């Protein structure tokens, strides 16, 4: 919960929509794309999910770690070291308890 709340606050501070994926299909249709298909797929996180869960931590954890600068700028961490320790705890929690992150997969075709 803490990482989700922190990420939302960072998006808000940057004027970005945290839930843009929810609106992506409509945005693509409005922009003229056709054959828009949307799926919500689970991204397993942690060792309880096996190899897929380990890979999920690498993907999502890596993406969040890359947001370190934005997290510091938005006041969610005071230093890179503090944020890295926080992410270590998040990833440890995922590894022990497992988790699942809902991913929006949207495909569309731009007409010729």
C-alpha atoms as a PDB file:
ATOM      1  CA  UNK A   1       0.000   0.000   0.000  1.00  0.00           C
ATOM      2  CA  UNK A   2       2.783   2.446   0.853  1.00  0.00           C
ATOM      3  CA  UNK A   3       4.433   2.207  -2.559  1.00  0.00           C
ATOM      4  CA  UNK A   4       1.090   2.673  -4.335  1.00  0.00           C
ATOM      5  CA  UNK A   5       0.236   5.733  -2.259  1.00  0.00           C
ATOM      6  CA  UNK A   6       3.707   7.216  -2.784  1.00  0.00           C
ATOM      7  CA  UNK A   7       3.492   6.631  -6.526  1.00  0.00           C
ATOM      8  CA  UNK A   8       0.071   8.313  -6.698  1.00  0.00           C
ATOM      9  CA  UNK A   9       1.400  11.343  -4.841  1.00  0.00           C
ATOM     10  CA  UNK A  10       4.364  11.590  -7.228  1.00  0.00           C
ATOM     11  CA  UNK A  11       2.059  11.431 -10.252  1.00  0.00           C
ATOM     12  CA  UNK A  12      -0.144  14.134  -8.701  1.00  0.00           C
ATOM     13  CA  UNK A  13       2.865  16.365  -7.989  1.00  0.00           C
ATOM     14  CA  UNK A  14       3.953  16.063 -11.634  1.00  0.00           C
ATOM     15  CA  UNK A  15       0.459  16.697 -12.994  1.00  0.00           C
ATOM     16  CA  UNK A  16       0.210  13.166 -14.409  1.00  0.00           C
ATOM     17  CA  UNK A  17      -2.752  10.777 -14.349  1.00  0.00           C
ATOM     18  CA  UNK A  18      -1.936   7.738 -12.230  1.00  0.00           C
ATOM     19  CA  UNK A  19      -4.809   5.787 -13.778  1.00  0.00           C
ATOM     20  CA  UNK A  20      -4.058   6.661 -17.418  1.00  0.00           C
ATOM     21  CA  UNK A  21      -4.193   2.975 -18.371  1.00  0.00           C
ATOM     22  CA  UNK A  22      -7.884   2.858 -17.437  1.00  0.00           C
ATOM     23  CA  UNK A  23      -8.564   5.618 -19.977  1.00  0.00           C
ATOM     24  CA  UNK A  24      -6.142   4.524 -22.685  1.00  0.00           C
ATOM     25  CA  UNK A  25      -8.675   2.650 -24.857  1.00  0.00           C
ATOM     26  CA  UNK A  26     -10.983   5.655 -25.034  1.00  0.00           C
ATOM     27  CA  UNK A  27      -8.042   7.992 -25.671  1.00  0.00           C
ATOM     28  CA  UNK A  28      -6.896   5.840 -28.592  1.00  0.00           C
ATOM     29  CA  UNK A  29     -10.406   5.704 -30.069  1.00  0.00           C
ATOM     30  CA  UNK A  30     -10.748   9.484 -29.717  1.00  0.00           C
ATOM     31  CA  UNK A  31      -7.406   9.876 -31.534  1.00  0.00           C
ATOM     32  CA  UNK A  32      -8.760   7.816 -34.438  1.00  0.00           C
ATOM     33  CA  UNK A  33      -7.234   4.414 -33.735  1.00  0.00           C
ATOM     34  CA  UNK A  34      -9.325   1.358 -34.645  1.00  0.00           C
ATOM     35  CA  UNK A  35      -9.517  -2.265 -33.533  1.00  0.00           C
ATOM     36  CA  UNK A  36      -8.831  -1.204 -29.956  1.00  0.00           C
ATOM     37  CA  UNK A  37      -8.575  -4.230 -27.678  1.00  0.00           C
ATOM     38  CA  UNK A  38      -8.056  -4.034 -23.921  1.00  0.00           C
ATOM     39  CA  UNK A  39      -7.195  -6.775 -21.465  1.00  0.00           C
ATOM     40  CA  UNK A  40      -6.450  -6.646 -17.773  1.00  0.00           C
ATOM     41  CA  UNK A  41      -3.760  -9.186 -16.957  1.00  0.00           C
ATOM     42  CA  UNK A  42      -2.268 -10.017 -13.562  1.00  0.00           C
ATOM     43  CA  UNK A  43       1.454  -9.465 -13.020  1.00  0.00           C
ATOM     44  CA  UNK A  44       2.452 -11.909 -10.266  1.00  0.00           C
ATOM     45  CA  UNK A  45       4.961 -10.558  -7.752  1.00  0.00           C
ATOM     46  CA  UNK A  46       7.118 -12.672  -5.464  1.00  0.00           C
ATOM     47  CA  UNK A  47       8.456 -16.168  -4.919  1.00  0.00           C
ATOM     48  CA  UNK A  48       5.049 -17.671  -4.033  1.00  0.00           C
ATOM     49  CA  UNK A  49       4.243 -17.319  -7.770  1.00  0.00           C
ATOM     50  CA  UNK A  50       7.420 -19.139  -8.838  1.00  0.00           C
ATOM     51  CA  UNK A  51       9.656 -17.886 -11.637  1.00  0.00           C
ATOM     52  CA  UNK A  52       6.936 -15.584 -13.018  1.00  0.00           C
ATOM     53  CA  UNK A  53       6.706 -13.855  -9.640  1.00  0.00           C
ATOM     54  CA  UNK A  54      10.471 -13.401  -9.486  1.00  0.00           C
ATOM     55  CA  UNK A  55      10.416 -11.881 -12.975  1.00  0.00           C
ATOM     56  CA  UNK A  56       7.492  -9.670 -11.929  1.00  0.00           C
ATOM     57  CA  UNK A  57       9.576  -8.219  -9.102  1.00  0.00           C
ATOM     58  CA  UNK A  58      12.409  -7.564 -11.547  1.00  0.00           C
ATOM     59  CA  UNK A  59      10.050  -5.715 -13.899  1.00  0.00           C
ATOM     60  CA  UNK A  60       7.864  -3.712 -11.510  1.00  0.00           C
ATOM     61  CA  UNK A  61      10.516  -3.279  -8.830  1.00  0.00           C
ATOM     62  CA  UNK A  62      13.011  -2.129 -11.448  1.00  0.00           C
ATOM     63  CA  UNK A  63      10.543   0.372 -12.856  1.00  0.00           C
ATOM     64  CA  UNK A  64       9.816   1.772  -9.417  1.00  0.00           C
ATOM     65  CA  UNK A  65      13.513   1.969  -8.574  1.00  0.00           C
ATOM     66  CA  UNK A  66      14.020   3.974 -11.775  1.00  0.00           C
ATOM     67  CA  UNK A  67      11.508   6.485 -10.413  1.00  0.00           C
ATOM     68  CA  UNK A  68      13.848   7.276  -7.499  1.00  0.00           C
ATOM     69  CA  UNK A  69      14.604  10.805  -8.700  1.00  0.00           C
ATOM     70  CA  UNK A  70      10.918  11.646  -9.047  1.00  0.00           C
ATOM     71  CA  UNK A  71      10.219  10.158  -5.608  1.00  0.00           C
ATOM     72  CA  UNK A  72      12.916  12.359  -4.039  1.00  0.00           C
ATOM     73  CA  UNK A  73      11.760  15.449  -5.957  1.00  0.00           C
ATOM     74  CA  UNK A  74       8.174  14.888  -4.766  1.00  0.00           C
ATOM     75  CA  UNK A  75       9.337  14.474  -1.166  1.00  0.00           C
ATOM     76  CA  UNK A  76       8.544  10.758  -0.883  1.00  0.00           C
ATOM     77  CA  UNK A  77      12.178  10.027   0.034  1.00  0.00           C
ATOM     78  CA  UNK A  78      14.995  12.241   1.232  1.00  0.00           C
ATOM     79  CA  UNK A  79      17.796  10.363  -0.529  1.00  0.00           C
ATOM     80  CA  UNK A  80      18.546   7.581  -2.974  1.00  0.00           C
ATOM     81  CA  UNK A  81      19.738   5.425  -0.084  1.00  0.00           C
ATOM     82  CA  UNK A  82      16.465   5.911   1.798  1.00  0.00           C
ATOM     83  CA  UNK A  83      14.417   5.035  -1.275  1.00  0.00           C
ATOM     84  CA  UNK A  84      16.566   1.966  -2.041  1.00  0.00           C
ATOM     85  CA  UNK A  85      16.050   0.681   1.528  1.00  0.00           C
ATOM     86  CA  UNK A  86      12.310   1.268   1.160  1.00  0.00           C
ATOM     87  CA  UNK A  87      12.249  -0.648  -2.144  1.00  0.00           C
ATOM     88  CA  UNK A  88      14.261  -3.487  -0.573  1.00  0.00           C
ATOM     89  CA  UNK A  89      11.511  -3.809   2.056  1.00  0.00           C
ATOM     90  CA  UNK A  90       8.756  -3.676  -0.581  1.00  0.00           C
ATOM     91  CA  UNK A  91      10.411  -6.399  -2.650  1.00  0.00           C
ATOM     92  CA  UNK A  92      11.031  -8.516   0.452  1.00  0.00           C
ATOM     93  CA  UNK A  93       7.346  -8.253   1.334  1.00  0.00           C
ATOM     94  CA  UNK A  94       6.389  -9.308  -2.196  1.00  0.00           C
ATOM     95  CA  UNK A  95       8.788 -12.251  -1.965  1.00  0.00           C
ATOM     96  CA  UNK A  96       7.439 -13.442   1.386  1.00  0.00           C
ATOM     97  CA  UNK A  97       3.719 -12.867   0.886  1.00  0.00           C
ATOM     98  CA  UNK A  98       3.345 -12.590  -2.865  1.00  0.00           C
ATOM     99  CA  UNK A  99       1.188 -10.030  -4.600  1.00  0.00           C
ATOM    100  CA  UNK A 100      -0.350  -9.356  -7.961  1.00  0.00           C
ATOM    101  CA  UNK A 101      -0.445  -6.120  -9.953  1.00  0.00           C
ATOM    102  CA  UNK A 102      -3.181  -5.521 -12.516  1.00  0.00           C
ATOM    103  CA  UNK A 103      -1.689  -4.558 -15.878  1.00  0.00           C
ATOM    104  CA  UNK A 104      -3.732  -3.006 -18.647  1.00  0.00           C
ATOM    105  CA  UNK A 105      -2.696  -4.323 -22.041  1.00  0.00           C
ATOM    106  CA  UNK A 106      -4.085  -2.203 -24.870  1.00  0.00           C
ATOM    107  CA  UNK A 107      -3.540  -2.833 -28.559  1.00  0.00           C
ATOM    108  CA  UNK A 108      -4.825  -0.651 -31.382  1.00  0.00           C
ATOM    109  CA  UNK A 109      -4.307  -0.070 -35.070  1.00  0.00           C
ATOM    110  CA  UNK A 110      -3.806   3.270 -36.738  1.00  0.00           C
ATOM    111  CA  UNK A 111      -5.804   3.369 -39.972  1.00  0.00           C
ATOM    112  CA  UNK A 112      -3.899   4.034 -43.180  1.00  0.00           C
END
